[in-house]
C-alpha atoms as a PDB file:
ATOM      1  CA  PRO A   1      -7.172 -15.879  -7.659  1.00  0.00           C
ATOM      2  CA  ILE A   2      -6.310 -18.625 -10.140  1.00  0.00           C
ATOM      3  CA  TYR A   3      -6.872 -16.326 -13.118  1.00  0.00           C
ATOM      4  CA  GLY A   4      -4.505 -13.714 -11.742  1.00  0.00           C
ATOM      5  CA  ALA A   5      -1.884 -16.364 -11.129  1.00  0.00           C
ATOM      6  CA  ARG A   6      -2.302 -17.657 -14.684  1.00  0.00           C
ATOM      7  CA  LEU A   7      -1.973 -14.144 -16.066  1.00  0.00           C
ATOM      8  CA  VAL A   8       1.223 -13.521 -14.118  1.00  0.00           C
ATOM      9  CA  HIS A   9       2.583 -16.895 -15.202  1.00  0.00           C
ATOM     10  CA  THR A  10       1.823 -16.084 -18.860  1.00  0.00           C
ATOM     11  CA  ILE A  11       3.570 -12.716 -18.665  1.00  0.00           C
ATOM     12  CA  PHE A  12       6.594 -13.997 -16.790  1.00  0.00           C
ATOM     13  CA  GLU A  13       6.966 -16.999 -19.054  1.00  0.00           C
ATOM     14  CA  ASP A  14       7.213 -14.875 -22.230  1.00  0.00           C
ATOM     15  CA  ALA A  15      10.365 -12.728 -22.457  1.00  0.00           C
ATOM     16  CA  GLU A  16       8.720 -10.078 -24.666  1.00  0.00           C
ATOM     17  CA  LEU A  17       5.640  -9.750 -22.448  1.00  0.00           C
ATOM     18  CA  ARG A  18       7.805  -9.577 -19.359  1.00  0.00           C
ATOM     19  CA  ALA A  19       9.972  -6.844 -20.910  1.00  0.00           C
ATOM     20  CA  ASP A  20       6.825  -4.834 -21.756  1.00  0.00           C
ATOM     21  CA  TRP A  21       5.507  -5.316 -18.226  1.00  0.00           C
ATOM     22  CA  GLU A  22       8.813  -4.171 -16.693  1.00  0.00           C
ATOM     23  CA  LYS A  23       8.796  -1.015 -18.857  1.00  0.00           C
ATOM     24  CA  GLU A  24       5.231  -0.211 -17.824  1.00  0.00           C
ATOM     25  CA  VAL A  25       5.999  -0.731 -14.135  1.00  0.00           C
ATOM     26  CA  LYS A  26       9.028   1.578 -14.477  1.00  0.00           C
ATOM     27  CA  VAL A  27       6.888   4.293 -16.100  1.00  0.00           C
ATOM     28  CA  MET A  28       4.358   4.088 -13.247  1.00  0.00           C
ATOM     29  CA  ALA A  29       7.034   4.093 -10.553  1.00  0.00           C
ATOM     30  CA  ASP A  30       8.830   7.054 -12.131  1.00  0.00           C
ATOM     31  CA  ARG A  31       5.568   9.003 -12.329  1.00  0.00           C
ATOM     32  CA  ILE A  32       4.899   8.444  -8.626  1.00  0.00           C
ATOM     33  CA  ILE A  33       8.472   9.474  -7.751  1.00  0.00           C
ATOM     34  CA  GLY A  34       7.974  12.600  -9.863  1.00  0.00           C
ATOM     35  CA  MET A  35       4.737  13.422  -8.043  1.00  0.00           C
ATOM     36  CA  ARG A  36       6.467  13.009  -4.674  1.00  0.00           C
ATOM     37  CA  LYS A  37       9.117  15.508  -5.796  1.00  0.00           C
ATOM     38  CA  ALA A  38       6.489  17.872  -7.201  1.00  0.00           C
ATOM     39  CA  LEU A  39       4.433  17.781  -3.999  1.00  0.00           C
ATOM     40  CA  THR A  40       7.490  18.547  -1.889  1.00  0.00           C
ATOM     41  CA  ALA A  41       8.525  21.358  -4.255  1.00  0.00           C
ATOM     42  CA  GLU A  42       5.031  22.891  -4.153  1.00  0.00           C
ATOM     43  CA  LEU A  43       4.999  22.829  -0.353  1.00  0.00           C
ATOM     44  CA  LEU A  44       8.359  24.574  -0.228  1.00  0.00           C
ATOM     45  CA  ALA A  45       7.253  27.104  -2.876  1.00  0.00           C
ATOM     46  CA  LEU A  46       4.282  27.949  -0.668  1.00  0.00           C
ATOM     47  CA  GLY A  47       6.716  28.897   2.074  1.00  0.00           C
ATOM     48  CA  SER A  48       6.231  25.902   4.326  1.00  0.00           C
ATOM     49  CA  THR A  49       8.973  25.689   6.924  1.00  0.00           C
ATOM     50  CA  LYS A  50       8.149  22.113   7.840  1.00  0.00           C
ATOM     51  CA  ASP A  51      10.416  19.244   6.844  1.00  0.00           C
ATOM     52  CA  TRP A  52       8.620  17.378   4.059  1.00  0.00           C
ATOM     53  CA  SER A  53      11.613  15.271   3.031  1.00  0.00           C
ATOM     54  CA  HIS A  54       9.838  12.137   4.238  1.00  0.00           C
ATOM     55  CA  ILE A  55       7.478  12.450   1.255  1.00  0.00           C
ATOM     56  CA  GLU A  56      10.352  11.864  -1.161  1.00  0.00           C
ATOM     57  CA  LYS A  57      12.115   9.304   1.028  1.00  0.00           C
ATOM     58  CA  GLN A  58       9.142   6.951   1.134  1.00  0.00           C
ATOM     59  CA  ILE A  59       8.518   4.473  -1.661  1.00  0.00           C
ATOM     60  CA  GLY A  60       5.435   2.913  -3.131  1.00  0.00           C
ATOM     61  CA  MET A  61       1.959   4.047  -4.026  1.00  0.00           C
ATOM     62  CA  PHE A  62       1.082   5.479  -0.626  1.00  0.00           C
ATOM     63  CA  CYS A  63       2.609   8.224   1.458  1.00  0.00           C
ATOM     64  CA  PHE A  64       2.277   8.980   5.138  1.00  0.00           C
ATOM     65  CA  THR A  65       1.944  12.760   5.197  1.00  0.00           C
ATOM     66  CA  GLY A  66       2.391  13.178   8.922  1.00  0.00           C
ATOM     67  CA  LEU A  67      -0.952  14.949   9.173  1.00  0.00           C
ATOM     68  CA  SER A  68      -3.007  14.411  12.307  1.00  0.00           C
ATOM     69  CA  LYS A  69      -6.587  13.141  12.328  1.00  0.00           C
ATOM     70  CA  PRO A  70      -8.017  16.685  12.758  1.00  0.00           C
ATOM     71  CA  GLN A  71      -5.841  17.891   9.878  1.00  0.00           C
ATOM     72  CA  VAL A  72      -7.042  14.997   7.720  1.00  0.00           C
ATOM     73  CA  GLU A  73     -10.644  15.914   8.529  1.00  0.00           C
ATOM     74  CA  ARG A  74      -9.975  19.486   7.373  1.00  0.00           C
ATOM     75  CA  MET A  75      -8.440  18.147   4.155  1.00  0.00           C
ATOM     76  CA  LYS A  76     -11.663  16.243   3.499  1.00  0.00           C
ATOM     77  CA  LYS A  77     -14.136  18.933   4.581  1.00  0.00           C
ATOM     78  CA  GLU A  78     -12.487  22.057   3.247  1.00  0.00           C
ATOM     79  CA  PHE A  79     -10.490  20.815   0.268  1.00  0.00           C
ATOM     80  CA  HIS A  80     -12.218  17.566  -0.774  1.00  0.00           C
ATOM     81  CA  ILE A  81      -8.970  15.632  -0.581  1.00  0.00           C
ATOM     82  CA  TYR A  82      -9.397  12.189   0.892  1.00  0.00           C
ATOM     83  CA  LEU A  83      -6.771  10.474   3.007  1.00  0.00           C
ATOM     84  CA  THR A  84      -6.944   7.714   5.559  1.00  0.00           C
ATOM     85  CA  GLY A  85      -7.430   8.796   9.167  1.00  0.00           C
ATOM     86  CA  ASN A  86      -3.727   8.351   9.880  1.00  0.00           C
ATOM     87  CA  GLY A  87      -2.749  10.759   7.094  1.00  0.00           C
ATOM     88  CA  ARG A  88      -1.902   8.281   4.353  1.00  0.00           C
ATOM     89  CA  ILE A  89      -2.505   9.521   0.807  1.00  0.00           C
ATOM     90  CA  SER A  90      -2.492   7.570  -2.441  1.00  0.00           C
ATOM     91  CA  MET A  91       0.326   8.969  -4.562  1.00  0.00           C
ATOM     92  CA  ALA A  92      -1.225   7.289  -7.593  1.00  0.00           C
ATOM     93  CA  GLY A  93      -4.015   9.862  -7.301  1.00  0.00           C
ATOM     94  CA  VAL A  94      -1.627  12.825  -7.275  1.00  0.00           C
ATOM     95  CA  THR A  95      -1.269  14.275 -10.771  1.00  0.00           C
ATOM     96  CA  SER A  96       0.320  17.288 -12.401  1.00  0.00           C
ATOM     97  CA  GLY A  97      -3.199  18.700 -12.562  1.00  0.00           C
ATOM     98  CA  ASN A  98      -3.950  18.474  -8.836  1.00  0.00           C
ATOM     99  CA  VAL A  99      -0.567  18.515  -7.067  1.00  0.00           C
ATOM    100  CA  LYS A 100      -0.709  22.271  -6.468  1.00  0.00           C
ATOM    101  CA  HIS A 101      -4.195  22.027  -4.930  1.00  0.00           C
ATOM    102  CA  ILE A 102      -3.060  19.178  -2.684  1.00  0.00           C
ATOM    103  CA  ALA A 103       0.040  21.099  -1.601  1.00  0.00           C
ATOM    104  CA  GLU A 104      -2.018  24.205  -0.859  1.00  0.00           C
ATOM    105  CA  ALA A 105      -4.384  22.151   1.275  1.00  0.00           C
ATOM    106  CA  ILE A 106      -1.576  20.414   3.170  1.00  0.00           C
ATOM    107  CA  HIS A 107       0.140  23.739   3.707  1.00  0.00           C
ATOM    108  CA  GLU A 108      -3.060  25.341   5.001  1.00  0.00           C
ATOM    109  CA  VAL A 109      -3.976  22.584   7.449  1.00  0.00           C
ATOM    110  CA  SER A 110      -0.408  22.086   8.706  1.00  0.00           C
ATOM    111  CA  GLN A 111       0.186  25.700   9.769  1.00  0.00           C
END
């Protein structure tokens, strides 16, 4: 823990390092926001009539999908998409390359 604290102190103490860090955090946050929007758009494009607005309203690296435990199990077994038992997915793992597959799986198990 002390090394992490020293690293943070070093970055926050130096204006240039802190500015770089803030830019990098913004890039990561914007990417996750973009993936939330893309996932919602893909679900709607698939014809889902469910309200997925909560995906975009949430913030942070994780998203509660609203999927039930049996639906989560289907996601794992049939589509090889791994979520926690309560339906939480890591948005950091959603990419432009897999967002369509994830949306298709969510759409299939949520019908």
